[in-house]
Amino acid sequence: GYTAANPVKHVKKPGPVARTRVLTPGERATVLAAVRDPSFREFVLALQETGCRPSEVARLAAADVDLARGVWTLVAHKTARKTGKPRVVYLTPGMHELSRVLVGRHPTGPLFRSRRTGRPFSRNAVRIRFMRLREKFPELAGVTAYTY
């Protein structure tokens, strides 16, 4: 009852499609106004202000923050193996203040935590929140956390 050869062995898989969506200032304001959970709003604001990947913001710990220099130093990041260097994120004045508040709130462990569980935002939690935003605001079609 089994086939002798794989019938789809020679079918070509299409290549990945590049994300080309860029948020307008109005769309950014819509997203921030629609997020009611203060801890998730801080997460989205960090994405917007730093340009970090969602996974980098989710993993950010108090030990990665240097308030004296006004930077986040990310040792574990997407291109760490390729570059062999930590990623240094320079903070805007607003992000510097938010980092100071978060380090005071969470002196150890991750800074951006879910209000409900107290754990860092998971990939799925972020995905679902952006999916709900797109459902609520159809004009945000194609907007994901990575868009930031």
N, C-alpha and C. Protein backbone atom coordinates (compact mmCIF):
# COMPACT_ATOMS: atom_id res chain seq x y z
N GLY A 1 0.79 -1.21 0.00
CA GLY A 1 0.00 0.00 0.00
C GLY A 1 0.82 1.26 0.00
N TYR A 2 2.14 1.16 -0.02
CA TYR A 2 2.99 2.35 -0.02
C TYR A 2 3.49 2.61 -1.43
N THR A 3 3.74 3.87 -1.75
CA THR A 3 4.32 4.19 -3.06
C THR A 3 5.80 3.90 -3.04
N ALA A 4 6.33 3.51 -4.17
CA ALA A 4 7.75 3.15 -4.27
C ALA A 4 8.65 4.38 -4.24
N ALA A 5 8.17 5.48 -4.81
CA ALA A 5 8.99 6.69 -4.88
C ALA A 5 8.17 7.89 -4.39
N ASN A 6 8.85 8.90 -3.96
CA ASN A 6 8.20 10.12 -3.48
C ASN A 6 7.63 10.88 -4.69
N PRO A 7 6.31 11.06 -4.78
CA PRO A 7 5.72 11.71 -5.95
C PRO A 7 5.98 13.21 -6.02
N VAL A 8 6.38 13.84 -4.95
CA VAL A 8 6.62 15.29 -4.96
C VAL A 8 8.10 15.63 -4.80
N LYS A 9 8.95 14.67 -5.02
CA LYS A 9 10.38 14.85 -4.81
C LYS A 9 10.96 15.97 -5.68
N HIS A 10 10.49 16.13 -6.90
CA HIS A 10 11.07 17.10 -7.82
C HIS A 10 10.26 18.40 -7.93
N VAL A 11 9.26 18.57 -7.07
CA VAL A 11 8.48 19.81 -7.08
C VAL A 11 9.30 20.91 -6.42
N LYS A 12 9.40 22.04 -7.08
CA LYS A 12 10.18 23.17 -6.56
C LYS A 12 9.36 23.95 -5.53
N LYS A 13 9.96 24.25 -4.41
CA LYS A 13 9.33 25.04 -3.37
C LYS A 13 9.54 26.51 -3.70
N PRO A 14 8.49 27.33 -3.63
CA PRO A 14 8.68 28.76 -3.91
C PRO A 14 9.58 29.40 -2.85
N GLY A 15 10.31 30.42 -3.25
CA GLY A 15 11.20 31.13 -2.33
C GLY A 15 10.43 31.99 -1.35
N PRO A 16 11.09 32.46 -0.32
CA PRO A 16 10.42 33.30 0.67
C PRO A 16 10.06 34.66 0.09
N VAL A 17 9.01 35.24 0.62
CA VAL A 17 8.57 36.56 0.18
C VAL A 17 9.06 37.57 1.21
N ALA A 18 9.72 38.60 0.75
CA ALA A 18 10.25 39.63 1.64
C ALA A 18 9.11 40.46 2.21
N ARG A 19 9.25 40.83 3.47
CA ARG A 19 8.27 41.73 4.09
C ARG A 19 8.59 43.15 3.66
N THR A 20 7.62 43.80 3.07
CA THR A 20 7.86 45.17 2.60
C THR A 20 6.94 46.17 3.27
N ARG A 21 6.20 45.73 4.26
CA ARG A 21 5.23 46.60 4.94
C ARG A 21 5.96 47.59 5.83
N VAL A 22 5.63 48.87 5.68
CA VAL A 22 6.20 49.92 6.51
C VAL A 22 5.04 50.66 7.17
N LEU A 23 5.12 50.85 8.46
CA LEU A 23 4.05 51.52 9.18
C LEU A 23 4.13 53.03 9.02
N THR A 24 2.98 53.66 8.84
CA THR A 24 2.91 55.11 8.81
C THR A 24 2.81 55.61 10.25
N PRO A 25 3.11 56.87 10.50
CA PRO A 25 2.94 57.39 11.87
C PRO A 25 1.52 57.23 12.40
N GLY A 26 0.53 57.36 11.53
CA GLY A 26 -0.86 57.17 11.95
C GLY A 26 -1.14 55.75 12.37
N GLU A 27 -0.57 54.79 11.64
CA GLU A 27 -0.76 53.38 12.00
C GLU A 27 -0.07 53.06 13.32
N ARG A 28 1.10 53.64 13.53
CA ARG A 28 1.80 53.43 14.81
C ARG A 28 0.95 53.97 15.96
N ALA A 29 0.36 55.14 15.76
CA ALA A 29 -0.50 55.73 16.79
C ALA A 29 -1.72 54.86 17.03
N THR A 30 -2.30 54.30 15.97
CA THR A 30 -3.46 53.42 16.10
C THR A 30 -3.11 52.20 16.93
N VAL A 31 -1.97 51.59 16.64
CA VAL A 31 -1.55 50.39 17.38
C VAL A 31 -1.35 50.72 18.85
N LEU A 32 -0.61 51.79 19.15
CA LEU A 32 -0.34 52.13 20.55
C LEU A 32 -1.62 52.50 21.29
N ALA A 33 -2.55 53.19 20.61
CA ALA A 33 -3.81 53.56 21.26
C ALA A 33 -4.70 52.34 21.50
N ALA A 34 -4.60 51.34 20.64
CA ALA A 34 -5.45 50.15 20.75
C ALA A 34 -4.96 49.18 21.82
N VAL A 35 -3.69 49.24 22.18
CA VAL A 35 -3.14 48.31 23.18
C VAL A 35 -3.50 48.84 24.57
N ARG A 36 -4.34 48.09 25.26
CA ARG A 36 -4.81 48.55 26.58
C ARG A 36 -3.94 48.05 27.72
N ASP A 37 -3.29 46.93 27.53
CA ASP A 37 -2.45 46.35 28.58
C ASP A 37 -1.16 47.17 28.67
N PRO A 38 -0.91 47.82 29.81
CA PRO A 38 0.28 48.67 29.93
C PRO A 38 1.60 47.93 29.69
N SER A 39 1.70 46.69 30.13
CA SER A 39 2.95 45.96 29.95
C SER A 39 3.19 45.63 28.48
N PHE A 40 2.13 45.31 27.75
CA PHE A 40 2.30 45.04 26.32
C PHE A 40 2.54 46.34 25.55
N ARG A 41 1.95 47.44 26.01
CA ARG A 41 2.22 48.74 25.38
C ARG A 41 3.70 49.09 25.52
N GLU A 42 4.28 48.81 26.68
CA GLU A 42 5.72 49.05 26.88
C GLU A 42 6.53 48.19 25.91
N PHE A 43 6.10 46.95 25.72
CA PHE A 43 6.78 46.04 24.79
C PHE A 43 6.74 46.60 23.37
N VAL A 44 5.55 47.02 22.92
CA VAL A 44 5.39 47.57 21.57
C VAL A 44 6.18 48.87 21.42
N LEU A 45 6.16 49.70 22.44
CA LEU A 45 6.92 50.94 22.41
C LEU A 45 8.42 50.66 22.29
N ALA A 46 8.89 49.62 22.99
CA ALA A 46 10.30 49.25 22.89
C ALA A 46 10.64 48.78 21.47
N LEU A 47 9.74 48.03 20.84
CA LEU A 47 9.96 47.63 19.45
C LEU A 47 10.09 48.86 18.56
N GLN A 48 9.19 49.80 18.77
CA GLN A 48 9.15 51.01 17.94
C GLN A 48 10.38 51.89 18.15
N GLU A 49 10.74 52.10 19.39
CA GLU A 49 11.82 53.05 19.70
C GLU A 49 13.22 52.51 19.47
N THR A 50 13.39 51.19 19.56
CA THR A 50 14.74 50.63 19.45
C THR A 50 15.02 49.97 18.12
N GLY A 51 13.99 49.50 17.44
CA GLY A 51 14.21 48.75 16.21
C GLY A 51 14.67 47.33 16.46
N CYS A 52 14.58 46.88 17.68
CA CYS A 52 14.98 45.51 18.02
C CYS A 52 13.96 44.51 17.50
N ARG A 53 14.41 43.29 17.32
CA ARG A 53 13.51 42.21 16.96
C ARG A 53 12.65 41.86 18.17
N PRO A 54 11.43 41.36 17.93
CA PRO A 54 10.56 41.02 19.07
C PRO A 54 11.21 40.04 20.04
N SER A 55 11.95 39.07 19.54
CA SER A 55 12.60 38.10 20.43
C SER A 55 13.67 38.77 21.30
N GLU A 56 14.33 39.77 20.76
CA GLU A 56 15.36 40.47 21.53
C GLU A 56 14.73 41.25 22.68
N VAL A 57 13.62 41.91 22.41
CA VAL A 57 12.94 42.68 23.46
C VAL A 57 12.38 41.72 24.51
N ALA A 58 11.80 40.61 24.07
CA ALA A 58 11.21 39.65 25.00
C ALA A 58 12.27 39.05 25.93
N ARG A 59 13.49 38.84 25.43
CA ARG A 59 14.56 38.24 26.24
C ARG A 59 15.37 39.25 27.04
N LEU A 60 15.17 40.53 26.81
CA LEU A 60 15.98 41.55 27.47
C LEU A 60 15.88 41.42 28.99
N ALA A 61 17.02 41.36 29.65
CA ALA A 61 17.07 41.22 31.10
C ALA A 61 17.71 42.47 31.69
N ALA A 62 17.51 42.65 32.98
CA ALA A 62 18.08 43.80 33.68
C ALA A 62 19.60 43.84 33.53
N ALA A 63 20.23 42.67 33.46
CA ALA A 63 21.69 42.61 33.31
C ALA A 63 22.17 43.15 31.96
N ASP A 64 21.27 43.21 30.96
CA ASP A 64 21.63 43.70 29.63
C ASP A 64 21.55 45.22 29.52
N VAL A 65 21.04 45.88 30.55
CA VAL A 65 20.81 47.32 30.51
C VAL A 65 21.96 48.05 31.21
N ASP A 66 22.55 49.01 30.51
CA ASP A 66 23.57 49.87 31.10
C ASP A 66 23.03 51.29 31.06
N LEU A 67 22.43 51.71 32.18
CA LEU A 67 21.81 53.03 32.23
C LEU A 67 22.84 54.15 32.19
N ALA A 68 24.02 53.90 32.71
CA ALA A 68 25.06 54.94 32.71
C ALA A 68 25.47 55.30 31.28
N ARG A 69 25.58 54.29 30.42
CA ARG A 69 25.94 54.54 29.01
C ARG A 69 24.72 54.74 28.13
N GLY A 70 23.53 54.41 28.62
CA GLY A 70 22.30 54.55 27.85
C GLY A 70 22.19 53.54 26.72
N VAL A 71 22.56 52.28 27.02
CA VAL A 71 22.51 51.23 25.98
C VAL A 71 21.96 49.94 26.55
N TRP A 72 21.47 49.12 25.62
CA TRP A 72 21.20 47.71 25.89
C TRP A 72 22.30 46.95 25.18
N THR A 73 22.91 45.99 25.84
CA THR A 73 23.92 45.14 25.21
C THR A 73 23.37 43.73 25.14
N LEU A 74 23.06 43.29 23.92
CA LEU A 74 22.44 41.98 23.71
C LEU A 74 23.50 40.99 23.24
N VAL A 75 23.87 40.05 24.10
CA VAL A 75 24.87 39.06 23.75
C VAL A 75 24.24 37.99 22.86
N ALA A 76 23.04 37.54 23.22
CA ALA A 76 22.33 36.52 22.43
C ALA A 76 21.38 37.24 21.48
N HIS A 77 21.69 37.20 20.19
CA HIS A 77 20.83 37.81 19.18
C HIS A 77 20.95 37.01 17.89
N LYS A 78 20.14 37.36 16.91
CA LYS A 78 20.01 36.58 15.69
C LYS A 78 21.34 36.38 14.95
N THR A 79 22.17 37.40 14.87
CA THR A 79 23.41 37.31 14.10
C THR A 79 24.64 37.15 14.98
N ALA A 80 24.47 36.73 16.22
CA ALA A 80 25.60 36.62 17.15
C ALA A 80 26.66 35.64 16.66
N ARG A 81 26.22 34.49 16.14
CA ARG A 81 27.21 33.50 15.67
C ARG A 81 27.96 34.02 14.45
N LYS A 82 27.27 34.72 13.59
CA LYS A 82 27.91 35.22 12.38
C LYS A 82 28.88 36.36 12.67
N THR A 83 28.47 37.30 13.52
CA THR A 83 29.31 38.46 13.78
C THR A 83 30.30 38.23 14.92
N GLY A 84 29.92 37.39 15.88
CA GLY A 84 30.78 37.17 17.04
C GLY A 84 30.81 38.36 17.98
N LYS A 85 29.89 39.30 17.81
CA LYS A 85 29.87 40.51 18.63
C LYS A 85 28.49 40.68 19.27
N PRO A 86 28.46 41.31 20.44
CA PRO A 86 27.15 41.63 21.02
C PRO A 86 26.50 42.76 20.23
N ARG A 87 25.19 42.82 20.30
CA ARG A 87 24.47 43.90 19.64
C ARG A 87 24.25 45.01 20.65
N VAL A 88 24.66 46.21 20.31
CA VAL A 88 24.50 47.36 21.20
C VAL A 88 23.37 48.22 20.65
N VAL A 89 22.37 48.46 21.50
CA VAL A 89 21.20 49.26 21.12
C VAL A 89 21.27 50.56 21.91
N TYR A 90 21.38 51.68 21.20
CA TYR A 90 21.44 52.99 21.85
C TYR A 90 20.01 53.46 22.13
N LEU A 91 19.79 53.94 23.34
CA LEU A 91 18.45 54.25 23.80
C LEU A 91 18.09 55.72 23.58
N THR A 92 16.86 55.93 23.15
CA THR A 92 16.32 57.29 23.07
C THR A 92 16.04 57.73 24.51
N PRO A 93 15.84 59.03 24.74
CA PRO A 93 15.54 59.47 26.12
C PRO A 93 14.31 58.76 26.71
N GLY A 94 13.28 58.55 25.90
CA GLY A 94 12.09 57.86 26.39
C GLY A 94 12.38 56.41 26.77
N MET A 95 13.18 55.73 25.95
CA MET A 95 13.51 54.34 26.25
C MET A 95 14.47 54.25 27.43
N HIS A 96 15.32 55.24 27.59
CA HIS A 96 16.22 55.27 28.75
C HIS A 96 15.39 55.34 30.03
N GLU A 97 14.38 56.21 30.03
CA GLU A 97 13.51 56.35 31.21
C GLU A 97 12.71 55.08 31.45
N LEU A 98 12.15 54.49 30.38
CA LEU A 98 11.39 53.25 30.53
C LEU A 98 12.29 52.12 31.04
N SER A 99 13.51 52.07 30.54
CA SER A 99 14.47 51.04 31.00
C SER A 99 14.76 51.21 32.49
N ARG A 100 14.92 52.47 32.92
CA ARG A 100 15.18 52.75 34.33
C ARG A 100 14.01 52.26 35.20
N VAL A 101 12.79 52.54 34.74
CA VAL A 101 11.60 52.11 35.49
C VAL A 101 11.51 50.59 35.53
N LEU A 102 11.75 49.94 34.40
CA LEU A 102 11.64 48.48 34.34
C LEU A 102 12.72 47.79 35.16
N VAL A 103 13.94 48.33 35.15
CA VAL A 103 15.01 47.75 35.96
C VAL A 103 14.67 47.89 37.45
N GLY A 104 14.05 49.02 37.82
CA GLY A 104 13.61 49.18 39.20
C GLY A 104 12.51 48.21 39.56
N ARG A 105 11.62 47.92 38.62
CA ARG A 105 10.50 47.01 38.85
C ARG A 105 10.96 45.55 38.87
N HIS A 106 11.90 45.21 37.96
CA HIS A 106 12.39 43.83 37.82
C HIS A 106 13.92 43.84 37.84
N PRO A 107 14.55 43.91 39.00
CA PRO A 107 16.02 44.00 39.06
C PRO A 107 16.74 42.75 38.56
N THR A 108 16.05 41.63 38.49
CA THR A 108 16.64 40.41 37.93
C THR A 108 15.67 39.81 36.94
N GLY A 109 16.21 39.10 35.98
CA GLY A 109 15.36 38.43 34.99
C GLY A 109 14.87 39.35 33.90
N PRO A 110 13.92 38.86 33.10
CA PRO A 110 13.43 39.64 31.96
C PRO A 110 12.71 40.92 32.40
N LEU A 111 12.84 41.95 31.57
CA LEU A 111 12.21 43.23 31.90
C LEU A 111 10.77 43.32 31.40
N PHE A 112 10.52 42.84 30.20
CA PHE A 112 9.20 42.95 29.61
C PHE A 112 8.42 41.68 29.90
N ARG A 113 7.51 41.77 30.87
CA ARG A 113 6.78 40.60 31.33
C ARG A 113 5.28 40.81 31.16
N SER A 114 4.60 39.71 30.95
CA SER A 114 3.15 39.73 30.86
C SER A 114 2.58 40.12 32.21
N ARG A 115 1.61 40.98 32.19
CA ARG A 115 0.98 41.43 33.43
C ARG A 115 0.26 40.28 34.11
N ARG A 116 -0.31 39.39 33.33
CA ARG A 116 -1.11 38.30 33.87
C ARG A 116 -0.25 37.15 34.42
N THR A 117 0.77 36.75 33.67
CA THR A 117 1.56 35.58 34.08
C THR A 117 2.87 35.95 34.78
N GLY A 118 3.37 37.15 34.54
CA GLY A 118 4.64 37.54 35.12
C GLY A 118 5.85 36.98 34.37
N ARG A 119 5.59 36.26 33.27
CA ARG A 119 6.67 35.70 32.45
C ARG A 119 6.88 36.57 31.22
N PRO A 120 8.02 36.42 30.54
CA PRO A 120 8.23 37.20 29.32
C PRO A 120 7.18 36.83 28.27
N PHE A 121 6.90 37.79 27.38
CA PHE A 121 5.94 37.54 26.31
C PHE A 121 6.48 36.44 25.40
N SER A 122 5.66 35.43 25.16
CA SER A 122 6.07 34.35 24.26
C SER A 122 5.82 34.78 22.82
N ARG A 123 6.44 34.07 21.91
CA ARG A 123 6.25 34.34 20.48
C ARG A 123 4.77 34.24 20.12
N ASN A 124 4.09 33.23 20.67
CA ASN A 124 2.68 33.03 20.35
C ASN A 124 1.81 34.13 20.95
N ALA A 125 2.11 34.57 22.15
CA ALA A 125 1.33 35.64 22.78
C ALA A 125 1.41 36.93 21.96
N VAL A 126 2.60 37.25 21.49
CA VAL A 126 2.78 38.45 20.67
C VAL A 126 2.04 38.28 19.35
N ARG A 127 2.16 37.11 18.75
CA ARG A 127 1.49 36.84 17.47
C ARG A 127 -0.02 37.00 17.60
N ILE A 128 -0.59 36.45 18.67
CA ILE A 128 -2.04 36.52 18.86
C ILE A 128 -2.49 37.96 19.09
N ARG A 129 -1.73 38.72 19.86
CA ARG A 129 -2.13 40.11 20.11
C ARG A 129 -2.12 40.93 18.82
N PHE A 130 -1.12 40.72 17.96
CA PHE A 130 -1.11 41.45 16.69
C PHE A 130 -2.20 40.94 15.76
N MET A 131 -2.52 39.65 15.82
CA MET A 131 -3.62 39.11 15.02
C MET A 131 -4.94 39.77 15.42
N ARG A 132 -5.16 39.94 16.71
CA ARG A 132 -6.38 40.58 17.19
C ARG A 132 -6.43 42.05 16.79
N LEU A 133 -5.28 42.72 16.80
CA LEU A 133 -5.24 44.11 16.33
C LEU A 133 -5.63 44.20 14.86
N ARG A 134 -5.12 43.26 14.04
CA ARG A 134 -5.46 43.27 12.61
C ARG A 134 -6.94 42.98 12.39
N GLU A 135 -7.53 42.13 13.24
CA GLU A 135 -8.97 41.85 13.13
C GLU A 135 -9.79 43.08 13.50
N LYS A 136 -9.35 43.79 14.51
CA LYS A 136 -10.07 44.98 14.99
C LYS A 136 -9.91 46.16 14.02
N PHE A 137 -8.73 46.27 13.42
CA PHE A 137 -8.43 47.37 12.50
C PHE A 137 -7.97 46.79 11.16
N PRO A 138 -8.89 46.58 10.23
CA PRO A 138 -8.52 45.98 8.93
C PRO A 138 -7.47 46.77 8.16
N GLU A 139 -7.36 48.06 8.42
CA GLU A 139 -6.34 48.86 7.73
C GLU A 139 -4.92 48.49 8.16
N LEU A 140 -4.79 47.69 9.20
CA LEU A 140 -3.47 47.24 9.66
C LEU A 140 -3.10 45.89 9.07
N ALA A 141 -3.71 45.54 7.95
CA ALA A 141 -3.41 44.26 7.29
C ALA A 141 -1.92 44.16 7.03
N GLY A 142 -1.34 43.03 7.38
CA GLY A 142 0.08 42.81 7.16
C GLY A 142 0.99 43.29 8.28
N VAL A 143 0.43 43.92 9.30
CA VAL A 143 1.24 44.43 10.41
C VAL A 143 1.50 43.29 11.39
N THR A 144 2.77 43.06 11.68
CA THR A 144 3.19 42.07 12.67
C THR A 144 4.16 42.73 13.64
N ALA A 145 4.53 42.03 14.67
CA ALA A 145 5.52 42.58 15.61
C ALA A 145 6.83 42.87 14.89
N TYR A 146 7.16 42.04 13.92
CA TYR A 146 8.41 42.21 13.18
C TYR A 146 8.38 43.44 12.29
N THR A 147 7.18 43.93 11.98
CA THR A 147 7.04 45.15 11.17
C THR A 147 7.70 46.33 11.87
N TYR A 148 7.67 46.31 13.18
CA TYR A 148 8.28 47.40 13.93
C TYR A 148 9.79 47.37 13.79
